[in-house]
Amino acid sequence: MTALRDIRQRAGLTQTALAKQLNVSPEAVTMWESGARKPDIITIKKLSVILGVTTDELLAPIKVD
């Protein structure tokens, strides 16, 4: 799992709202959050701006206890 889900939720955005801002499908966001697919570098930069975090924060894995 990636950090994207937690960051998106902290920002108060739904997958659909984030997808609309990026002009992608909500299913794309779901795949990024599950780790099934990765966003391209341009999209990562857009995500960082929209979510107010660094690209490093977006790329950090979540530690599962």
PDB file of N, CA and C in Angstrom:
ATOM      1  N   MET A   1       0.837  -1.186   0.000  1.00  0.00           N
ATOM      2  CA  MET A   1       0.000   0.000   0.000  1.00  0.00           C
ATOM      3  C   MET A   1       0.881   1.249   0.000  1.00  0.00           C
ATOM      4  N   THR A   2       0.422   2.280  -0.629  1.00  0.00           N
ATOM      5  CA  THR A   2       1.175   3.525  -0.697  1.00  0.00           C
ATOM      6  C   THR A   2       0.636   4.542   0.302  1.00  0.00           C
ATOM      7  N   ALA A   3       1.363   5.617   0.461  1.00  0.00           N
ATOM      8  CA  ALA A   3       0.959   6.676   1.382  1.00  0.00           C
ATOM      9  C   ALA A   3      -0.175   7.527   0.823  1.00  0.00           C
ATOM     10  N   LEU A   4      -0.442   7.400  -0.456  1.00  0.00           N
ATOM     11  CA  LEU A   4      -1.421   8.272  -1.111  1.00  0.00           C
ATOM     12  C   LEU A   4      -2.779   8.262  -0.426  1.00  0.00           C
ATOM     13  N   ARG A   5      -3.272   7.110  -0.048  1.00  0.00           N
ATOM     14  CA  ARG A   5      -4.606   7.032   0.567  1.00  0.00           C
ATOM     15  C   ARG A   5      -4.680   7.862   1.848  1.00  0.00           C
ATOM     16  N   ASP A   6      -3.705   7.688   2.729  1.00  0.00           N
ATOM     17  CA  ASP A   6      -3.717   8.441   3.983  1.00  0.00           C
ATOM     18  C   ASP A   6      -3.595   9.940   3.736  1.00  0.00           C
ATOM     19  N   ILE A   7      -2.729  10.320   2.822  1.00  0.00           N
ATOM     20  CA  ILE A   7      -2.542  11.740   2.512  1.00  0.00           C
ATOM     21  C   ILE A   7      -3.820  12.325   1.923  1.00  0.00           C
ATOM     22  N   ARG A   8      -4.453  11.589   1.001  1.00  0.00           N
ATOM     23  CA  ARG A   8      -5.702  12.060   0.392  1.00  0.00           C
ATOM     24  C   ARG A   8      -6.784  12.235   1.441  1.00  0.00           C
ATOM     25  N   GLN A   9      -6.904  11.258   2.342  1.00  0.00           N
ATOM     26  CA  GLN A   9      -7.929  11.344   3.390  1.00  0.00           C
ATOM     27  C   GLN A   9      -7.663  12.502   4.343  1.00  0.00           C
ATOM     28  N   ARG A  10      -6.406  12.725   4.690  1.00  0.00           N
ATOM     29  CA  ARG A  10      -6.067  13.868   5.563  1.00  0.00           C
ATOM     30  C   ARG A  10      -6.411  15.187   4.893  1.00  0.00           C
ATOM     31  N   ALA A  11      -6.318  15.217   3.558  1.00  0.00           N
ATOM     32  CA  ALA A  11      -6.660  16.425   2.805  1.00  0.00           C
ATOM     33  C   ALA A  11      -8.167  16.599   2.671  1.00  0.00           C
ATOM     34  N   GLY A  12      -8.931  15.593   3.093  1.00  0.00           N
ATOM     35  CA  GLY A  12     -10.386  15.681   3.045  1.00  0.00           C
ATOM     36  C   GLY A  12     -10.969  15.474   1.658  1.00  0.00           C
ATOM     37  N   LEU A  13     -10.241  14.751   0.802  1.00  0.00           N
ATOM     38  CA  LEU A  13     -10.716  14.514  -0.554  1.00  0.00           C
ATOM     39  C   LEU A  13     -11.161  13.065  -0.733  1.00  0.00           C
ATOM     40  N   THR A  14     -12.198  12.886  -1.510  1.00  0.00           N
ATOM     41  CA  THR A  14     -12.593  11.539  -1.914  1.00  0.00           C
ATOM     42  C   THR A  14     -11.753  11.145  -3.132  1.00  0.00           C
ATOM     43  N   GLN A  15     -11.785   9.865  -3.465  1.00  0.00           N
ATOM     44  CA  GLN A  15     -11.093   9.425  -4.671  1.00  0.00           C
ATOM     45  C   GLN A  15     -11.674  10.120  -5.896  1.00  0.00           C
ATOM     46  N   THR A  16     -12.974  10.277  -5.924  1.00  0.00           N
ATOM     47  CA  THR A  16     -13.634  10.917  -7.060  1.00  0.00           C
ATOM     48  C   THR A  16     -13.226  12.377  -7.184  1.00  0.00           C
ATOM     49  N   ALA A  17     -13.185  13.093  -6.074  1.00  0.00           N
ATOM     50  CA  ALA A  17     -12.799  14.510  -6.111  1.00  0.00           C
ATOM     51  C   ALA A  17     -11.355  14.669  -6.575  1.00  0.00           C
ATOM     52  N   LEU A  18     -10.472  13.822  -6.084  1.00  0.00           N
ATOM     53  CA  LEU A  18      -9.075  13.882  -6.503  1.00  0.00           C
ATOM     54  C   LEU A  18      -8.950  13.544  -7.985  1.00  0.00           C
ATOM     55  N   ALA A  19      -9.669  12.525  -8.414  1.00  0.00           N
ATOM     56  CA  ALA A  19      -9.635  12.122  -9.819  1.00  0.00           C
ATOM     57  C   ALA A  19     -10.084  13.263 -10.729  1.00  0.00           C
ATOM     58  N   LYS A  20     -11.144  13.984 -10.336  1.00  0.00           N
ATOM     59  CA  LYS A  20     -11.639  15.100 -11.144  1.00  0.00           C
ATOM     60  C   LYS A  20     -10.582  16.184 -11.282  1.00  0.00           C
ATOM     61  N   GLN A  21      -9.870  16.478 -10.195  1.00  0.00           N
ATOM     62  CA  GLN A  21      -8.830  17.510 -10.242  1.00  0.00           C
ATOM     63  C   GLN A  21      -7.674  17.107 -11.158  1.00  0.00           C
ATOM     64  N   LEU A  22      -7.426  15.803 -11.247  1.00  0.00           N
ATOM     65  CA  LEU A  22      -6.325  15.295 -12.074  1.00  0.00           C
ATOM     66  C   LEU A  22      -6.769  14.924 -13.487  1.00  0.00           C
ATOM     67  N   ASN A  23      -8.079  14.957 -13.723  1.00  0.00           N
ATOM     68  CA  ASN A  23      -8.651  14.547 -15.013  1.00  0.00           C
ATOM     69  C   ASN A  23      -8.328  13.082 -15.330  1.00  0.00           C
ATOM     70  N   VAL A  24      -8.509  12.234 -14.309  1.00  0.00           N
ATOM     71  CA  VAL A  24      -8.352  10.786 -14.469  1.00  0.00           C
ATOM     72  C   VAL A  24      -9.588  10.117 -13.881  1.00  0.00           C
ATOM     73  N   SER A  25      -9.701   8.822 -14.051  1.00  0.00           N
ATOM     74  CA  SER A  25     -10.849   8.105 -13.495  1.00  0.00           C
ATOM     75  C   SER A  25     -10.633   7.808 -12.016  1.00  0.00           C
ATOM     76  N   PRO A  26     -11.711   7.687 -11.251  1.00  0.00           N
ATOM     77  CA  PRO A  26     -11.572   7.280  -9.854  1.00  0.00           C
ATOM     78  C   PRO A  26     -10.899   5.911  -9.735  1.00  0.00           C
ATOM     79  N   GLU A  27     -11.091   5.069 -10.739  1.00  0.00           N
ATOM     80  CA  GLU A  27     -10.462   3.743 -10.732  1.00  0.00           C
ATOM     81  C   GLU A  27      -8.941   3.861 -10.790  1.00  0.00           C
ATOM     82  N   ALA A  28      -8.436   4.871 -11.489  1.00  0.00           N
ATOM     83  CA  ALA A  28      -6.982   5.092 -11.537  1.00  0.00           C
ATOM     84  C   ALA A  28      -6.463   5.410 -10.144  1.00  0.00           C
ATOM     85  N   VAL A  29      -7.178   6.262  -9.417  1.00  0.00           N
ATOM     86  CA  VAL A  29      -6.772   6.604  -8.053  1.00  0.00           C
ATOM     87  C   VAL A  29      -6.793   5.358  -7.175  1.00  0.00           C
ATOM     88  N   THR A  30      -7.824   4.530  -7.321  1.00  0.00           N
ATOM     89  CA  THR A  30      -7.911   3.284  -6.562  1.00  0.00           C
ATOM     90  C   THR A  30      -6.698   2.401  -6.828  1.00  0.00           C
ATOM     91  N   MET A  31      -6.310   2.276  -8.089  1.00  0.00           N
ATOM     92  CA  MET A  31      -5.157   1.433  -8.432  1.00  0.00           C
ATOM     93  C   MET A  31      -3.855   1.996  -7.857  1.00  0.00           C
ATOM     94  N   TRP A  32      -3.709   3.323  -7.857  1.00  0.00           N
ATOM     95  CA  TRP A  32      -2.506   3.931  -7.277  1.00  0.00           C
ATOM     96  C   TRP A  32      -2.457   3.662  -5.783  1.00  0.00           C
ATOM     97  N   GLU A  33      -3.611   3.815  -5.123  1.00  0.00           N
ATOM     98  CA  GLU A  33      -3.655   3.635  -3.677  1.00  0.00           C
ATOM     99  C   GLU A  33      -3.399   2.191  -3.264  1.00  0.00           C
ATOM    100  N   SER A  34      -3.811   1.257  -4.084  1.00  0.00           N
ATOM    101  CA  SER A  34      -3.608  -0.158  -3.758  1.00  0.00           C
ATOM    102  C   SER A  34      -2.214  -0.636  -4.144  1.00  0.00           C
ATOM    103  N   GLY A  35      -1.522   0.155  -4.960  1.00  0.00           N
ATOM    104  CA  GLY A  35      -0.201  -0.243  -5.418  1.00  0.00           C
ATOM    105  C   GLY A  35      -0.227  -1.093  -6.681  1.00  0.00           C
ATOM    106  N   ALA A  36      -1.428  -1.312  -7.245  1.00  0.00           N
ATOM    107  CA  ALA A  36      -1.551  -2.111  -8.463  1.00  0.00           C
ATOM    108  C   ALA A  36      -0.920  -1.400  -9.661  1.00  0.00           C
ATOM    109  N   ARG A  37      -0.962  -0.082  -9.647  1.00  0.00           N
ATOM    110  CA  ARG A  37      -0.351   0.744 -10.690  1.00  0.00           C
ATOM    111  C   ARG A  37       0.297   1.950 -10.033  1.00  0.00           C
ATOM    112  N   LYS A  38       1.165   2.598 -10.783  1.00  0.00           N
ATOM    113  CA  LYS A  38       1.847   3.794 -10.294  1.00  0.00           C
ATOM    114  C   LYS A  38       1.513   4.976 -11.207  1.00  0.00           C
ATOM    115  N   PRO A  39       1.289   6.154 -10.616  1.00  0.00           N
ATOM    116  CA  PRO A  39       1.080   7.336 -11.458  1.00  0.00           C
ATOM    117  C   PRO A  39       2.397   7.735 -12.121  1.00  0.00           C
ATOM    118  N   ASP A  40       2.302   8.397 -13.280  1.00  0.00           N
ATOM    119  CA  ASP A  40       3.516   8.862 -13.941  1.00  0.00           C
ATOM    120  C   ASP A  40       4.090  10.066 -13.190  1.00  0.00           C
ATOM    121  N   ILE A  41       5.289  10.464 -13.550  1.00  0.00           N
ATOM    122  CA  ILE A  41       6.001  11.508 -12.814  1.00  0.00           C
ATOM    123  C   ILE A  41       5.280  12.854 -12.860  1.00  0.00           C
ATOM    124  N   ILE A  42       4.651  13.172 -13.969  1.00  0.00           N
ATOM    125  CA  ILE A  42       3.894  14.433 -14.073  1.00  0.00           C
ATOM    126  C   ILE A  42       2.716  14.403 -13.110  1.00  0.00           C
ATOM    127  N   THR A  43       2.031  13.271 -13.032  1.00  0.00           N
ATOM    128  CA  THR A  43       0.889  13.128 -12.136  1.00  0.00           C
ATOM    129  C   THR A  43       1.341  13.172 -10.679  1.00  0.00           C
ATOM    130  N   ILE A  44       2.481  12.591 -10.382  1.00  0.00           N
ATOM    131  CA  ILE A  44       3.014  12.653  -9.009  1.00  0.00           C
ATOM    132  C   ILE A  44       3.239  14.107  -8.605  1.00  0.00           C
ATOM    133  N   LYS A  45       3.790  14.897  -9.505  1.00  0.00           N
ATOM    134  CA  LYS A  45       4.007  16.317  -9.215  1.00  0.00           C
ATOM    135  C   LYS A  45       2.674  17.033  -8.985  1.00  0.00           C
ATOM    136  N   LYS A  46       1.676  16.745  -9.839  1.00  0.00           N
ATOM    137  CA  LYS A  46       0.350  17.353  -9.660  1.00  0.00           C
ATOM    138  C   LYS A  46      -0.265  16.930  -8.324  1.00  0.00           C
ATOM    139  N   LEU A  47      -0.119  15.642  -7.982  1.00  0.00           N
ATOM    140  CA  LEU A  47      -0.636  15.157  -6.703  1.00  0.00           C
ATOM    141  C   LEU A  47      -0.012  15.914  -5.541  1.00  0.00           C
ATOM    142  N   SER A  48       1.284  16.143  -5.607  1.00  0.00           N
ATOM    143  CA  SER A  48       1.962  16.828  -4.508  1.00  0.00           C
ATOM    144  C   SER A  48       1.431  18.244  -4.324  1.00  0.00           C
ATOM    145  N   VAL A  49       1.155  18.917  -5.438  1.00  0.00           N
ATOM    146  CA  VAL A  49       0.619  20.279  -5.366  1.00  0.00           C
ATOM    147  C   VAL A  49      -0.805  20.263  -4.809  1.00  0.00           C
ATOM    148  N   ILE A  50      -1.650  19.397  -5.343  1.00  0.00           N
ATOM    149  CA  ILE A  50      -3.050  19.322  -4.909  1.00  0.00           C
ATOM    150  C   ILE A  50      -3.148  18.956  -3.432  1.00  0.00           C
ATOM    151  N   LEU A  51      -2.325  18.002  -3.000  1.00  0.00           N
ATOM    152  CA  LEU A  51      -2.414  17.488  -1.634  1.00  0.00           C
ATOM    153  C   LEU A  51      -1.534  18.249  -0.640  1.00  0.00           C
ATOM    154  N   GLY A  52      -0.704  19.155  -1.140  1.00  0.00           N
ATOM    155  CA  GLY A  52       0.128  19.979  -0.262  1.00  0.00           C
ATOM    156  C   GLY A  52       1.224  19.203   0.451  1.00  0.00           C
ATOM    157  N   VAL A  53       1.799  18.228  -0.244  1.00  0.00           N
ATOM    158  CA  VAL A  53       2.887  17.433   0.327  1.00  0.00           C
ATOM    159  C   VAL A  53       4.031  17.366  -0.683  1.00  0.00           C
ATOM    160  N   THR A  54       5.171  16.854  -0.237  1.00  0.00           N
ATOM    161  CA  THR A  54       6.290  16.682  -1.156  1.00  0.00           C
ATOM    162  C   THR A  54       6.111  15.389  -1.941  1.00  0.00           C
ATOM    163  N   THR A  55       6.832  15.289  -3.036  1.00  0.00           N
ATOM    164  CA  THR A  55       6.796  14.053  -3.807  1.00  0.00           C
ATOM    165  C   THR A  55       7.378  12.907  -2.988  1.00  0.00           C
ATOM    166  N   ASP A  56       8.370  13.191  -2.150  1.00  0.00           N
ATOM    167  CA  ASP A  56       8.931  12.153  -1.285  1.00  0.00           C
ATOM    168  C   ASP A  56       7.872  11.567  -0.354  1.00  0.00           C
ATOM    169  N   GLU A  57       7.013  12.420   0.187  1.00  0.00           N
ATOM    170  CA  GLU A  57       5.947  11.948   1.063  1.00  0.00           C
ATOM    171  C   GLU A  57       4.987  11.020   0.307  1.00  0.00           C
ATOM    172  N   LEU A  58       4.697  11.373  -0.931  1.00  0.00           N
ATOM    173  CA  LEU A  58       3.791  10.541  -1.734  1.00  0.00           C
ATOM    174  C   LEU A  58       4.391   9.180  -2.047  1.00  0.00           C
ATOM    175  N   LEU A  59       5.696   9.134  -2.219  1.00  0.00           N
ATOM    176  CA  LEU A  59       6.354   7.905  -2.624  1.00  0.00           C
ATOM    177  C   LEU A  59       6.744   7.011  -1.454  1.00  0.00           C
ATOM    178  N   ALA A  60       6.588   7.502  -0.241  1.00  0.00           N
ATOM    179  CA  ALA A  60       6.967   6.729   0.944  1.00  0.00           C
ATOM    180  C   ALA A  60       5.986   5.580   1.172  1.00  0.00           C
ATOM    181  N   PRO A  61       6.509   4.385   1.441  1.00  0.00           N
ATOM    182  CA  PRO A  61       5.608   3.268   1.761  1.00  0.00           C
ATOM    183  C   PRO A  61       5.036   3.437   3.167  1.00  0.00           C
ATOM    184  N   ILE A  62       3.884   2.844   3.384  1.00  0.00           N
ATOM    185  CA  ILE A  62       3.288   2.825   4.717  1.00  0.00           C
ATOM    186  C   ILE A  62       3.765   1.589   5.437  1.00  0.00           C
ATOM    187  N   LYS A  63       4.195   1.779   6.676  1.00  0.00           N
ATOM    188  CA  LYS A  63       4.619   0.634   7.472  1.00  0.00           C
ATOM    189  C   LYS A  63       3.412  -0.017   8.110  1.00  0.00           C
ATOM    190  N   VAL A  64       3.282  -1.301   7.914  1.00  0.00           N
ATOM    191  CA  VAL A  64       2.169  -2.046   8.489  1.00  0.00           C
ATOM    192  C   VAL A  64       2.677  -2.766   9.726  1.00  0.00           C
ATOM    193  N   ASP A  65       2.001  -2.535  10.842  1.00  0.00           N
ATOM    194  CA  ASP A  65       2.405  -3.186  12.097  1.00  0.00           C
ATOM    195  C   ASP A  65       1.816  -4.562  12.214  1.00  0.00           C
TER     196      ASP A  65
END
